Amino acid sequence: RTPPPMSTAVRRTLIEHDWPGNVRELAHFADRVALDIDAPAAFGATEDAGAGLVDRLERFEKAVLEEALHRHAGDIVAMTDALRIPRKTLYDKFRRHGLRPGDFRARDERG
């Protein structure tokens, strides 16, 4: 099976979690991520615990956009196809979340 792309939530959990169970806990986390089970939530990623629905949806939307930008290396056409949204809507979302597709493109494409 092809490993899934690393999401922002998974990356954050890997960096911020203390891993008191050491290798065993990390291995269980990796299994959950590979099986596409909601691993970050299971490991206490609770930044949304006190947030309202609007704030939680905004953070989720930004995380989805960042993951798509990484996966498609900033390719707008590929992102509009994958996310099934119009180009204008995608650019509006980039502006709202302060994201720049050029930051995710390969170095040789940026010039």
PDB file of N, CA and C in Angstrom:
ATOM      1  N   ARG A   1       0.842  -1.181   0.000  1.00  0.00           N
ATOM      2  CA  ARG A   1       0.000   0.000   0.000  1.00  0.00           C
ATOM      3  C   ARG A   1       0.890   1.248   0.000  1.00  0.00           C
ATOM      4  N   THR A   2       0.493   2.218  -0.795  1.00  0.00           N
ATOM      5  CA  THR A   2       1.229   3.469  -0.853  1.00  0.00           C
ATOM      6  C   THR A   2       0.966   4.277   0.415  1.00  0.00           C
ATOM      7  N   PRO A   3       2.023   4.792   1.041  1.00  0.00           N
ATOM      8  CA  PRO A   3       1.805   5.593   2.258  1.00  0.00           C
ATOM      9  C   PRO A   3       0.990   6.843   1.934  1.00  0.00           C
ATOM     10  N   PRO A   4       0.081   7.221   2.830  1.00  0.00           N
ATOM     11  CA  PRO A   4      -0.696   8.447   2.590  1.00  0.00           C
ATOM     12  C   PRO A   4       0.192   9.669   2.760  1.00  0.00           C
ATOM     13  N   PRO A   5      -0.185  10.788   2.123  1.00  0.00           N
ATOM     14  CA  PRO A   5       0.601  12.006   2.316  1.00  0.00           C
ATOM     15  C   PRO A   5       0.508  12.474   3.764  1.00  0.00           C
ATOM     16  N   MET A   6       1.552  13.120   4.237  1.00  0.00           N
ATOM     17  CA  MET A   6       1.562  13.576   5.616  1.00  0.00           C
ATOM     18  C   MET A   6       0.763  14.879   5.735  1.00  0.00           C
ATOM     19  N   SER A   7      -0.301  14.828   6.501  1.00  0.00           N
ATOM     20  CA  SER A   7      -1.128  16.014   6.699  1.00  0.00           C
ATOM     21  C   SER A   7      -0.480  16.936   7.725  1.00  0.00           C
ATOM     22  N   THR A   8      -0.988  18.136   7.781  1.00  0.00           N
ATOM     23  CA  THR A   8      -0.501  19.109   8.762  1.00  0.00           C
ATOM     24  C   THR A   8      -0.744  18.599  10.172  1.00  0.00           C
ATOM     25  N   ALA A   9      -1.906  17.977  10.400  1.00  0.00           N
ATOM     26  CA  ALA A   9      -2.235  17.472  11.736  1.00  0.00           C
ATOM     27  C   ALA A   9      -1.276  16.355  12.151  1.00  0.00           C
ATOM     28  N   VAL A  10      -0.951  15.468  11.226  1.00  0.00           N
ATOM     29  CA  VAL A  10      -0.024  14.377  11.536  1.00  0.00           C
ATOM     30  C   VAL A  10       1.357  14.947  11.819  1.00  0.00           C
ATOM     31  N   ARG A  11       1.804  15.872  10.984  1.00  0.00           N
ATOM     32  CA  ARG A  11       3.112  16.498  11.171  1.00  0.00           C
ATOM     33  C   ARG A  11       3.186  17.199  12.533  1.00  0.00           C
ATOM     34  N   ARG A  12       2.116  17.928  12.871  1.00  0.00           N
ATOM     35  CA  ARG A  12       2.079  18.643  14.150  1.00  0.00           C
ATOM     36  C   ARG A  12       2.134  17.652  15.314  1.00  0.00           C
ATOM     37  N   THR A  13       1.396  16.559  15.207  1.00  0.00           N
ATOM     38  CA  THR A  13       1.390  15.558  16.271  1.00  0.00           C
ATOM     39  C   THR A  13       2.769  14.941  16.441  1.00  0.00           C
ATOM     40  N   LEU A  14       3.437  14.615  15.338  1.00  0.00           N
ATOM     41  CA  LEU A  14       4.777  14.035  15.421  1.00  0.00           C
ATOM     42  C   LEU A  14       5.758  14.968  16.128  1.00  0.00           C
ATOM     43  N   ILE A  15       5.622  16.253  15.874  1.00  0.00           N
ATOM     44  CA  ILE A  15       6.543  17.226  16.455  1.00  0.00           C
ATOM     45  C   ILE A  15       6.200  17.553  17.904  1.00  0.00           C
ATOM     46  N   GLU A  16       4.916  17.738  18.198  1.00  0.00           N
ATOM     47  CA  GLU A  16       4.511  18.267  19.493  1.00  0.00           C
ATOM     48  C   GLU A  16       4.248  17.213  20.572  1.00  0.00           C
ATOM     49  N   HIS A  17       3.934  15.986  20.186  1.00  0.00           N
ATOM     50  CA  HIS A  17       3.604  14.971  21.184  1.00  0.00           C
ATOM     51  C   HIS A  17       4.871  14.522  21.922  1.00  0.00           C
ATOM     52  N   ASP A  18       4.754  14.250  23.222  1.00  0.00           N
ATOM     53  CA  ASP A  18       5.916  13.853  24.029  1.00  0.00           C
ATOM     54  C   ASP A  18       6.358  12.412  23.779  1.00  0.00           C
ATOM     55  N   TRP A  19       5.493  11.562  23.274  1.00  0.00           N
ATOM     56  CA  TRP A  19       5.769  10.149  23.016  1.00  0.00           C
ATOM     57  C   TRP A  19       6.287   9.426  24.250  1.00  0.00           C
ATOM     58  N   PRO A  20       5.497   9.456  25.352  1.00  0.00           N
ATOM     59  CA  PRO A  20       5.944   8.775  26.572  1.00  0.00           C
ATOM     60  C   PRO A  20       6.042   7.255  26.401  1.00  0.00           C
ATOM     61  N   GLY A  21       5.321   6.712  25.435  1.00  0.00           N
ATOM     62  CA  GLY A  21       5.385   5.266  25.190  1.00  0.00           C
ATOM     63  C   GLY A  21       6.509   4.889  24.252  1.00  0.00           C
ATOM     64  N   ASN A  22       7.315   5.864  23.857  1.00  0.00           N
ATOM     65  CA  ASN A  22       8.481   5.683  22.999  1.00  0.00           C
ATOM     66  C   ASN A  22       8.131   5.013  21.675  1.00  0.00           C
ATOM     67  N   VAL A  23       8.914   4.024  21.278  1.00  0.00           N
ATOM     68  CA  VAL A  23       8.785   3.422  19.952  1.00  0.00           C
ATOM     69  C   VAL A  23       7.432   2.731  19.780  1.00  0.00           C
ATOM     70  N   ARG A  24       6.954   2.066  20.796  1.00  0.00           N
ATOM     71  CA  ARG A  24       5.674   1.363  20.678  1.00  0.00           C
ATOM     72  C   ARG A  24       4.533   2.343  20.382  1.00  0.00           C
ATOM     73  N   GLU A  25       4.503   3.453  21.109  1.00  0.00           N
ATOM     74  CA  GLU A  25       3.456   4.450  20.886  1.00  0.00           C
ATOM     75  C   GLU A  25       3.579   5.063  19.496  1.00  0.00           C
ATOM     76  N   LEU A  26       4.790   5.349  19.077  1.00  0.00           N
ATOM     77  CA  LEU A  26       5.021   5.907  17.755  1.00  0.00           C
ATOM     78  C   LEU A  26       4.609   4.908  16.670  1.00  0.00           C
ATOM     79  N   ALA A  27       4.900   3.639  16.873  1.00  0.00           N
ATOM     80  CA  ALA A  27       4.517   2.603  15.901  1.00  0.00           C
ATOM     81  C   ALA A  27       2.990   2.497  15.785  1.00  0.00           C
ATOM     82  N   HIS A  28       2.293   2.590  16.900  1.00  0.00           N
ATOM     83  CA  HIS A  28       0.824   2.546  16.872  1.00  0.00           C
ATOM     84  C   HIS A  28       0.275   3.765  16.124  1.00  0.00           C
ATOM     85  N   PHE A  29       0.882   4.907  16.371  1.00  0.00           N
ATOM     86  CA  PHE A  29       0.471   6.117  15.670  1.00  0.00           C
ATOM     87  C   PHE A  29       0.670   5.946  14.166  1.00  0.00           C
ATOM     88  N   ALA A  30       1.837   5.440  13.765  1.00  0.00           N
ATOM     89  CA  ALA A  30       2.130   5.229  12.340  1.00  0.00           C
ATOM     90  C   ALA A  30       1.129   4.253  11.717  1.00  0.00           C
ATOM     91  N   ASP A  31       0.774   3.194  12.448  1.00  0.00           N
ATOM     92  CA  ASP A  31      -0.227   2.240  11.951  1.00  0.00           C
ATOM     93  C   ASP A  31      -1.562   2.931  11.711  1.00  0.00           C
ATOM     94  N   ARG A  32      -1.984   3.761  12.654  1.00  0.00           N
ATOM     95  CA  ARG A  32      -3.269   4.457  12.529  1.00  0.00           C
ATOM     96  C   ARG A  32      -3.254   5.415  11.339  1.00  0.00           C
ATOM     97  N   VAL A  33      -2.129   6.090  11.129  1.00  0.00           N
ATOM     98  CA  VAL A  33      -2.032   7.003   9.991  1.00  0.00           C
ATOM     99  C   VAL A  33      -2.060   6.204   8.690  1.00  0.00           C
ATOM    100  N   ALA A  34      -1.292   5.118   8.627  1.00  0.00           N
ATOM    101  CA  ALA A  34      -1.240   4.299   7.412  1.00  0.00           C
ATOM    102  C   ALA A  34      -2.587   3.668   7.084  1.00  0.00           C
ATOM    103  N   LEU A  35      -3.355   3.341   8.113  1.00  0.00           N
ATOM    104  CA  LEU A  35      -4.680   2.740   7.901  1.00  0.00           C
ATOM    105  C   LEU A  35      -5.764   3.789   7.722  1.00  0.00           C
ATOM    106  N   ASP A  36      -5.359   5.056   7.721  1.00  0.00           N
ATOM    107  CA  ASP A  36      -6.270   6.189   7.527  1.00  0.00           C
ATOM    108  C   ASP A  36      -7.317   6.279   8.628  1.00  0.00           C
ATOM    109  N   ILE A  37      -6.886   5.965   9.847  1.00  0.00           N
ATOM    110  CA  ILE A  37      -7.717   6.143  11.032  1.00  0.00           C
ATOM    111  C   ILE A  37      -7.336   7.493  11.618  1.00  0.00           C
ATOM    112  N   ASP A  38      -8.262   8.212  12.204  1.00  0.00           N
ATOM    113  CA  ASP A  38      -7.997   9.570  12.662  1.00  0.00           C
ATOM    114  C   ASP A  38      -6.970   9.590  13.783  1.00  0.00           C
ATOM    115  N   ALA A  39      -5.711   9.409  13.435  1.00  0.00           N
ATOM    116  CA  ALA A  39      -4.641   9.314  14.421  1.00  0.00           C
ATOM    117  C   ALA A  39      -4.416  10.584  15.225  1.00  0.00           C
ATOM    118  N   PRO A  40      -4.353  11.780  14.626  1.00  0.00           N
ATOM    119  CA  PRO A  40      -4.099  12.965  15.453  1.00  0.00           C
ATOM    120  C   PRO A  40      -5.143  13.160  16.549  1.00  0.00           C
ATOM    121  N   ALA A  41      -6.406  12.923  16.264  1.00  0.00           N
ATOM    122  CA  ALA A  41      -7.441  13.070  17.290  1.00  0.00           C
ATOM    123  C   ALA A  41      -7.243  12.053  18.399  1.00  0.00           C
ATOM    124  N   ALA A  42      -6.806  10.862  18.036  1.00  0.00           N
ATOM    125  CA  ALA A  42      -6.591   9.811  19.036  1.00  0.00           C
ATOM    126  C   ALA A  42      -5.396  10.126  19.927  1.00  0.00           C
ATOM    127  N   PHE A  43      -4.501  10.970  19.477  1.00  0.00           N
ATOM    128  CA  PHE A  43      -3.315  11.296  20.255  1.00  0.00           C
ATOM    129  C   PHE A  43      -3.393  12.664  20.900  1.00  0.00           C
ATOM    130  N   GLY A  44      -4.606  13.163  21.073  1.00  0.00           N
ATOM    131  CA  GLY A  44      -4.787  14.353  21.874  1.00  0.00           C
ATOM    132  C   GLY A  44      -4.547  15.666  21.162  1.00  0.00           C
ATOM    133  N   ALA A  45      -4.693  15.715  19.853  1.00  0.00           N
ATOM    134  CA  ALA A  45      -4.596  17.001  19.151  1.00  0.00           C
ATOM    135  C   ALA A  45      -5.880  17.764  19.442  1.00  0.00           C
ATOM    136  N   THR A  46      -5.858  18.540  20.506  1.00  0.00           N
ATOM    137  CA  THR A  46      -7.094  19.144  21.013  1.00  0.00           C
ATOM    138  C   THR A  46      -7.153  20.640  20.816  1.00  0.00           C
ATOM    139  N   GLU A  47      -6.522  21.168  19.777  1.00  0.00           N
ATOM    140  CA  GLU A  47      -6.547  22.612  19.579  1.00  0.00           C
ATOM    141  C   GLU A  47      -7.963  23.110  19.340  1.00  0.00           C
ATOM    142  N   ASP A  48      -8.888  22.229  18.921  1.00  0.00           N
ATOM    143  CA  ASP A  48     -10.260  22.625  18.647  1.00  0.00           C
ATOM    144  C   ASP A  48     -11.176  22.485  19.862  1.00  0.00           C
ATOM    145  N   ALA A  49     -10.664  22.021  20.970  1.00  0.00           N
ATOM    146  CA  ALA A  49     -11.512  21.696  22.111  1.00  0.00           C
ATOM    147  C   ALA A  49     -12.406  22.845  22.556  1.00  0.00           C
ATOM    148  N   GLY A  50     -11.892  24.071  22.635  1.00  0.00           N
ATOM    149  CA  GLY A  50     -12.692  25.186  23.110  1.00  0.00           C
ATOM    150  C   GLY A  50     -13.178  26.103  22.002  1.00  0.00           C
ATOM    151  N   ALA A  51     -12.929  25.747  20.757  1.00  0.00           N
ATOM    152  CA  ALA A  51     -13.269  26.617  19.634  1.00  0.00           C
ATOM    153  C   ALA A  51     -14.708  26.390  19.186  1.00  0.00           C
ATOM    154  N   GLY A  52     -15.291  27.441  18.627  1.00  0.00           N
ATOM    155  CA  GLY A  52     -16.624  27.330  18.058  1.00  0.00           C
ATOM    156  C   GLY A  52     -16.573  26.664  16.693  1.00  0.00           C
ATOM    157  N   LEU A  53     -17.741  26.370  16.166  1.00  0.00           N
ATOM    158  CA  LEU A  53     -17.839  25.668  14.892  1.00  0.00           C
ATOM    159  C   LEU A  53     -17.178  26.444  13.759  1.00  0.00           C
ATOM    160  N   VAL A  54     -17.396  27.737  13.686  1.00  0.00           N
ATOM    161  CA  VAL A  54     -16.825  28.537  12.596  1.00  0.00           C
ATOM    162  C   VAL A  54     -15.297  28.476  12.638  1.00  0.00           C
ATOM    163  N   ASP A  55     -14.711  28.637  13.823  1.00  0.00           N
ATOM    164  CA  ASP A  55     -13.253  28.580  13.951  1.00  0.00           C
ATOM    165  C   ASP A  55     -12.719  27.203  13.596  1.00  0.00           C
ATOM    166  N   ARG A  56     -13.399  26.166  14.038  1.00  0.00           N
ATOM    167  CA  ARG A  56     -12.970  24.807  13.739  1.00  0.00           C
ATOM    168  C   ARG A  56     -13.041  24.530  12.249  1.00  0.00           C
ATOM    169  N   LEU A  57     -14.101  24.993  11.581  1.00  0.00           N
ATOM    170  CA  LEU A  57     -14.236  24.797  10.139  1.00  0.00           C
ATOM    171  C   LEU A  57     -13.159  25.571   9.382  1.00  0.00           C
ATOM    172  N   GLU A  58     -12.844  26.774   9.833  1.00  0.00           N
ATOM    173  CA  GLU A  58     -11.791  27.565   9.189  1.00  0.00           C
ATOM    174  C   GLU A  58     -10.439  26.855   9.288  1.00  0.00           C
ATOM    175  N   ARG A  59     -10.109  26.339  10.477  1.00  0.00           N
ATOM    176  CA  ARG A  59      -8.840  25.618  10.645  1.00  0.00           C
ATOM    177  C   ARG A  59      -8.819  24.354   9.806  1.00  0.00           C
ATOM    178  N   PHE A  60      -9.946  23.655   9.749  1.00  0.00           N
ATOM    179  CA  PHE A  60     -10.018  22.440   8.944  1.00  0.00           C
ATOM    180  C   PHE A  60      -9.821  22.775   7.470  1.00  0.00           C
ATOM    181  N   GLU A  61     -10.516  23.814   6.994  1.00  0.00           N
ATOM    182  CA  GLU A  61     -10.402  24.201   5.587  1.00  0.00           C
ATOM    183  C   GLU A  61      -8.954  24.568   5.244  1.00  0.00           C
ATOM    184  N   LYS A  62      -8.306  25.332   6.115  1.00  0.00           N
ATOM    185  CA  LYS A  62      -6.915  25.712   5.863  1.00  0.00           C
ATOM    186  C   LYS A  62      -6.014  24.478   5.820  1.00  0.00           C
ATOM    187  N   ALA A  63      -6.233  23.531   6.726  1.00  0.00           N
ATOM    188  CA  ALA A  63      -5.431  22.308   6.745  1.00  0.00           C
ATOM    189  C   ALA A  63      -5.625  21.504   5.462  1.00  0.00           C
ATOM    190  N   VAL A  64      -6.860  21.427   4.975  1.00  0.00           N
ATOM    191  CA  VAL A  64      -7.141  20.711   3.723  1.00  0.00           C
ATOM    192  C   VAL A  64      -6.434  21.401   2.560  1.00  0.00           C
ATOM    193  N   LEU A  65      -6.497  22.723   2.516  1.00  0.00           N
ATOM    194  CA  LEU A  65      -5.832  23.472   1.450  1.00  0.00           C
ATOM    195  C   LEU A  65      -4.312  23.282   1.505  1.00  0.00           C
ATOM    196  N   GLU A  66      -3.727  23.346   2.698  1.00  0.00           N
ATOM    197  CA  GLU A  66      -2.283  23.159   2.827  1.00  0.00           C
ATOM    198  C   GLU A  66      -1.872  21.758   2.382  1.00  0.00           C
ATOM    199  N   GLU A  67      -2.649  20.769   2.769  1.00  0.00           N
ATOM    200  CA  GLU A  67      -2.342  19.394   2.374  1.00  0.00           C
ATOM    201  C   GLU A  67      -2.423  19.247   0.854  1.00  0.00           C
ATOM    202  N   ALA A  68      -3.446  19.844   0.235  1.00  0.00           N
ATOM    203  CA  ALA A  68      -3.579  19.781  -1.224  1.00  0.00           C
ATOM    204  C   ALA A  68      -2.437  20.529  -1.908  1.00  0.00           C
ATOM    205  N   LEU A  69      -2.033  21.669  -1.344  1.00  0.00           N
ATOM    206  CA  LEU A  69      -0.903  22.401  -1.912  1.00  0.00           C
ATOM    207  C   LEU A  69       0.371  21.559  -1.880  1.00  0.00           C
ATOM    208  N   HIS A  70       0.609  20.871  -0.778  1.00  0.00           N
ATOM    209  CA  HIS A  70       1.782  19.990  -0.683  1.00  0.00           C
ATOM    210  C   HIS A  70       1.657  18.839  -1.673  1.00  0.00           C
ATOM    211  N   ARG A  71       0.518  18.180  -1.679  1.00  0.00           N
ATOM    212  CA  ARG A  71       0.319  17.000  -2.525  1.00  0.00           C
ATOM    213  C   ARG A  71       0.479  17.333  -3.998  1.00  0.00           C
ATOM    214  N   HIS A  72      -0.028  18.496  -4.425  1.00  0.00           N
ATOM    215  CA  HIS A  72      -0.015  18.855  -5.843  1.00  0.00           C
ATOM    216  C   HIS A  72       1.056  19.890  -6.169  1.00  0.00           C
ATOM    217  N   ALA A  73       1.968  20.137  -5.229  1.00  0.00           N
ATOM    218  CA  ALA A  73       3.096  21.055  -5.424  1.00  0.00           C
ATOM    219  C   ALA A  73       2.653  22.405  -5.974  1.00  0.00           C
ATOM    220  N   GLY A  74       1.524  22.917  -5.472  1.00  0.00           N
ATOM    221  CA  GLY A  74       1.050  24.235  -5.873  1.00  0.00           C
ATOM    222  C   GLY A  74       0.393  24.284  -7.240  1.00  0.00           C
ATOM    223  N   ASP A  75       0.151  23.125  -7.867  1.00  0.00           N
ATOM    224  CA  ASP A  75      -0.478  23.075  -9.199  1.00  0.00           C
ATOM    225  C   ASP A  75      -1.974  23.364  -9.058  1.00  0.00           C
ATOM    226  N   ILE A  76      -2.392  24.533  -9.511  1.00  0.00           N
ATOM    227  CA  ILE A  76      -3.774  24.987  -9.337  1.00  0.00           C
ATOM    228  C   ILE A  76      -4.763  24.106 -10.087  1.00  0.00           C
ATOM    229  N   VAL A  77      -4.436  23.718 -11.301  1.00  0.00           N
ATOM    230  CA  VAL A  77      -5.344  22.874 -12.086  1.00  0.00           C
ATOM    231  C   VAL A  77      -5.576  21.535 -11.372  1.00  0.00           C
ATOM    232  N   ALA A  78      -4.499  20.938 -10.892  1.00  0.00           N
ATOM    233  CA  ALA A  78      -4.629  19.662 -10.176  1.00  0.00           C
ATOM    234  C   ALA A  78      -5.455  19.839  -8.905  1.00  0.00           C
ATOM    235  N   MET A  79      -5.273  20.966  -8.220  1.00  0.00           N
ATOM    236  CA  MET A  79      -6.030  21.212  -6.991  1.00  0.00           C
ATOM    237  C   MET A  79      -7.511  21.428  -7.264  1.00  0.00           C
ATOM    238  N   THR A  80      -7.844  22.194  -8.312  1.00  0.00           N
ATOM    239  CA  THR A  80      -9.266  22.415  -8.610  1.00  0.00           C
ATOM    240  C   THR A  80      -9.941  21.096  -8.974  1.00  0.00           C
ATOM    241  N   ASP A  81      -9.209  20.223  -9.670  1.00  0.00           N
ATOM    242  CA  ASP A  81      -9.765  18.904  -9.999  1.00  0.00           C
ATOM    243  C   ASP A  81      -9.936  18.052  -8.748  1.00  0.00           C
ATOM    244  N   ALA A  82      -8.913  18.006  -7.909  1.00  0.00           N
ATOM    245  CA  ALA A  82      -8.954  17.162  -6.712  1.00  0.00           C
ATOM    246  C   ALA A  82      -9.988  17.650  -5.701  1.00  0.00           C
ATOM    247  N   LEU A  83     -10.059  18.974  -5.511  1.00  0.00           N
ATOM    248  CA  LEU A  83     -10.983  19.529  -4.518  1.00  0.00           C
ATOM    249  C   LEU A  83     -12.382  19.788  -5.095  1.00  0.00           C
ATOM    250  N   ARG A  84     -12.483  19.687  -6.411  1.00  0.00           N
ATOM    251  CA  ARG A  84     -13.771  19.893  -7.115  1.00  0.00           C
ATOM    252  C   ARG A  84     -14.395  21.246  -6.803  1.00  0.00           C
ATOM    253  N   ILE A  85     -13.558  22.292  -6.916  1.00  0.00           N
ATOM    254  CA  ILE A  85     -14.050  23.656  -6.723  1.00  0.00           C
ATOM    255  C   ILE A  85     -13.537  24.532  -7.869  1.00  0.00           C
ATOM    256  N   PRO A  86     -14.263  25.599  -8.193  1.00  0.00           N
ATOM    257  CA  PRO A  86     -13.802  26.504  -9.246  1.00  0.00           C
ATOM    258  C   PRO A  86     -12.512  27.224  -8.851  1.00  0.00           C
ATOM    259  N   ARG A  87     -11.752  27.604  -9.854  1.00  0.00           N
ATOM    260  CA  ARG A  87     -10.481  28.289  -9.653  1.00  0.00           C
ATOM    261  C   ARG A  87     -10.656  29.560  -8.814  1.00  0.00           C
ATOM    262  N   LYS A  88     -11.670  30.366  -9.115  1.00  0.00           N
ATOM    263  CA  LYS A  88     -11.896  31.610  -8.374  1.00  0.00           C
ATOM    264  C   LYS A  88     -12.147  31.319  -6.895  1.00  0.00           C
ATOM    265  N   THR A  89     -12.941  30.305  -6.607  1.00  0.00           N
ATOM    266  CA  THR A  89     -13.212  29.929  -5.214  1.00  0.00           C
ATOM    267  C   THR A  89     -11.924  29.521  -4.517  1.00  0.00           C
ATOM    268  N   LEU A  90     -11.080  28.766  -5.218  1.00  0.00           N
ATOM    269  CA  LEU A  90      -9.805  28.337  -4.643  1.00  0.00           C
ATOM    270  C   LEU A  90      -8.927  29.544  -4.310  1.00  0.00           C
ATOM    271  N   TYR A  91      -8.837  30.492  -5.248  1.00  0.00           N
ATOM    272  CA  TYR A  91      -8.032  31.689  -4.981  1.00  0.00           C
ATOM    273  C   TYR A  91      -8.622  32.530  -3.847  1.00  0.00           C
ATOM    274  N   ASP A  92      -9.942  32.592  -3.755  1.00  0.00           N
ATOM    275  CA  ASP A  92     -10.575  33.303  -2.634  1.00  0.00           C
ATOM    276  C   ASP A  92     -10.196  32.662  -1.302  1.00  0.00           C
ATOM    277  N   LYS A  93     -10.171  31.341  -1.268  1.00  0.00           N
ATOM    278  CA  LYS A  93      -9.809  30.618  -0.046  1.00  0.00           C
ATOM    279  C   LYS A  93      -8.331  30.823   0.296  1.00  0.00           C
ATOM    280  N   PHE A  94      -7.470  30.838  -0.720  1.00  0.00           N
ATOM    281  CA  PHE A  94      -6.054  31.120  -0.479  1.00  0.00           C
ATOM    282  C   PHE A  94      -5.898  32.487   0.186  1.00  0.00           C
ATOM    283  N   ARG A  95      -6.581  33.481  -0.364  1.00  0.00           N
ATOM    284  CA  ARG A  95      -6.492  34.844   0.158  1.00  0.00           C
ATOM    285  C   ARG A  95      -6.989  34.898   1.604  1.00  0.00           C
ATOM    286  N   ARG A  96      -8.120  34.247   1.871  1.00  0.00           N
ATOM    287  CA  ARG A  96      -8.699  34.276   3.214  1.00  0.00           C
ATOM    288  C   ARG A  96      -7.778  33.620   4.250  1.00  0.00           C
ATOM    289  N   HIS A  97      -7.063  32.572   3.831  1.00  0.00           N
ATOM    290  CA  HIS A  97      -6.204  31.837   4.771  1.00  0.00           C
ATOM    291  C   HIS A  97      -4.744  32.271   4.701  1.00  0.00           C
ATOM    292  N   GLY A  98      -4.434  33.248   3.853  1.00  0.00           N
ATOM    293  CA  GLY A  98      -3.061  33.734   3.747  1.00  0.00           C
ATOM    294  C   GLY A  98      -2.112  32.720   3.127  1.00  0.00           C
ATOM    295  N   LEU A  99      -2.601  31.920   2.191  1.00  0.00           N
ATOM    296  CA  LEU A  99      -1.770  30.902   1.540  1.00  0.00           C
ATOM    297  C   LEU A  99      -1.341  31.382   0.158  1.00  0.00           C
ATOM    298  N   ARG A 100      -0.119  31.025  -0.217  1.00  0.00           N
ATOM    299  CA  ARG A 100       0.399  31.381  -1.534  1.00  0.00           C
ATOM    300  C   ARG A 100       0.868  30.119  -2.241  1.00  0.00           C
ATOM    301  N   PRO A 101       0.204  29.724  -3.336  1.00  0.00           N
ATOM    302  CA  PRO A 101       0.571  28.500  -4.053  1.00  0.00           C
ATOM    303  C   PRO A 101       2.035  28.460  -4.476  1.00  0.00           C
ATOM    304  N   GLY A 102       2.611  29.625  -4.809  1.00  0.00           N
ATOM    305  CA  GLY A 102       4.009  29.670  -5.226  1.00  0.00           C
ATOM    306  C   GLY A 102       4.965  29.162  -4.166  1.00  0.00           C
ATOM    307  N   ASP A 103       4.576  29.264  -2.896  1.00  0.00           N
ATOM    308  CA  ASP A 103       5.418  28.772  -1.809  1.00  0.00           C
ATOM    309  C   ASP A 103       5.516  27.250  -1.802  1.00  0.00           C
ATOM    310  N   PHE A 104       4.622  26.576  -2.524  1.00  0.00           N
ATOM    311  CA  PHE A 104       4.566  25.121  -2.507  1.00  0.00           C
ATOM    312  C   PHE A 104       5.074  24.505  -3.807  1.00  0.00           C
ATOM    313  N   ARG A 105       5.464  25.343  -4.766  1.00  0.00           N
ATOM    314  CA  ARG A 105       5.957  24.835  -6.049  1.00  0.00           C
ATOM    315  C   ARG A 105       7.416  24.443  -5.911  1.00  0.00           C
ATOM    316  N   ALA A 106       7.840  23.540  -6.791  1.00  0.00           N
ATOM    317  CA  ALA A 106       9.242  23.100  -6.792  1.00  0.00           C
ATOM    318  C   ALA A 106      10.150  24.289  -7.094  1.00  0.00           C
ATOM    319  N   ARG A 107      11.331  24.306  -6.530  1.00  0.00           N
ATOM    320  CA  ARG A 107      12.278  25.418  -6.659  1.00  0.00           C
ATOM    321  C   ARG A 107      12.548  25.767  -8.127  1.00  0.00           C
ATOM    322  N   ASP A 108      12.717  24.758  -8.996  1.00  0.00           N
ATOM    323  CA  ASP A 108      13.043  25.048 -10.399  1.00  0.00           C
ATOM    324  C   ASP A 108      11.866  25.648 -11.147  1.00  0.00           C
ATOM    325  N   GLU A 109      10.623  25.442 -10.686  1.00  0.00           N
ATOM    326  CA  GLU A 109       9.462  26.046 -11.326  1.00  0.00           C
ATOM    327  C   GLU A 109       9.346  27.506 -10.957  1.00  0.00           C
ATOM    328  N   ARG A 110       9.847  27.898  -9.790  1.00  0.00           N
ATOM    329  CA  ARG A 110       9.712  29.276  -9.309  1.00  0.00           C
ATOM    330  C   ARG A 110      10.717  30.211  -9.972  1.00  0.00           C
ATOM    331  N   GLY A 111      11.724  29.655 -10.582  1.00  0.00           N
ATOM    332  CA  GLY A 111      12.694  30.480 -11.283  1.00  0.00           C
ATOM    333  C   GLY A 111      13.799  30.856 -10.440  1.00  0.00           C
TER     334      GLY A 111
END
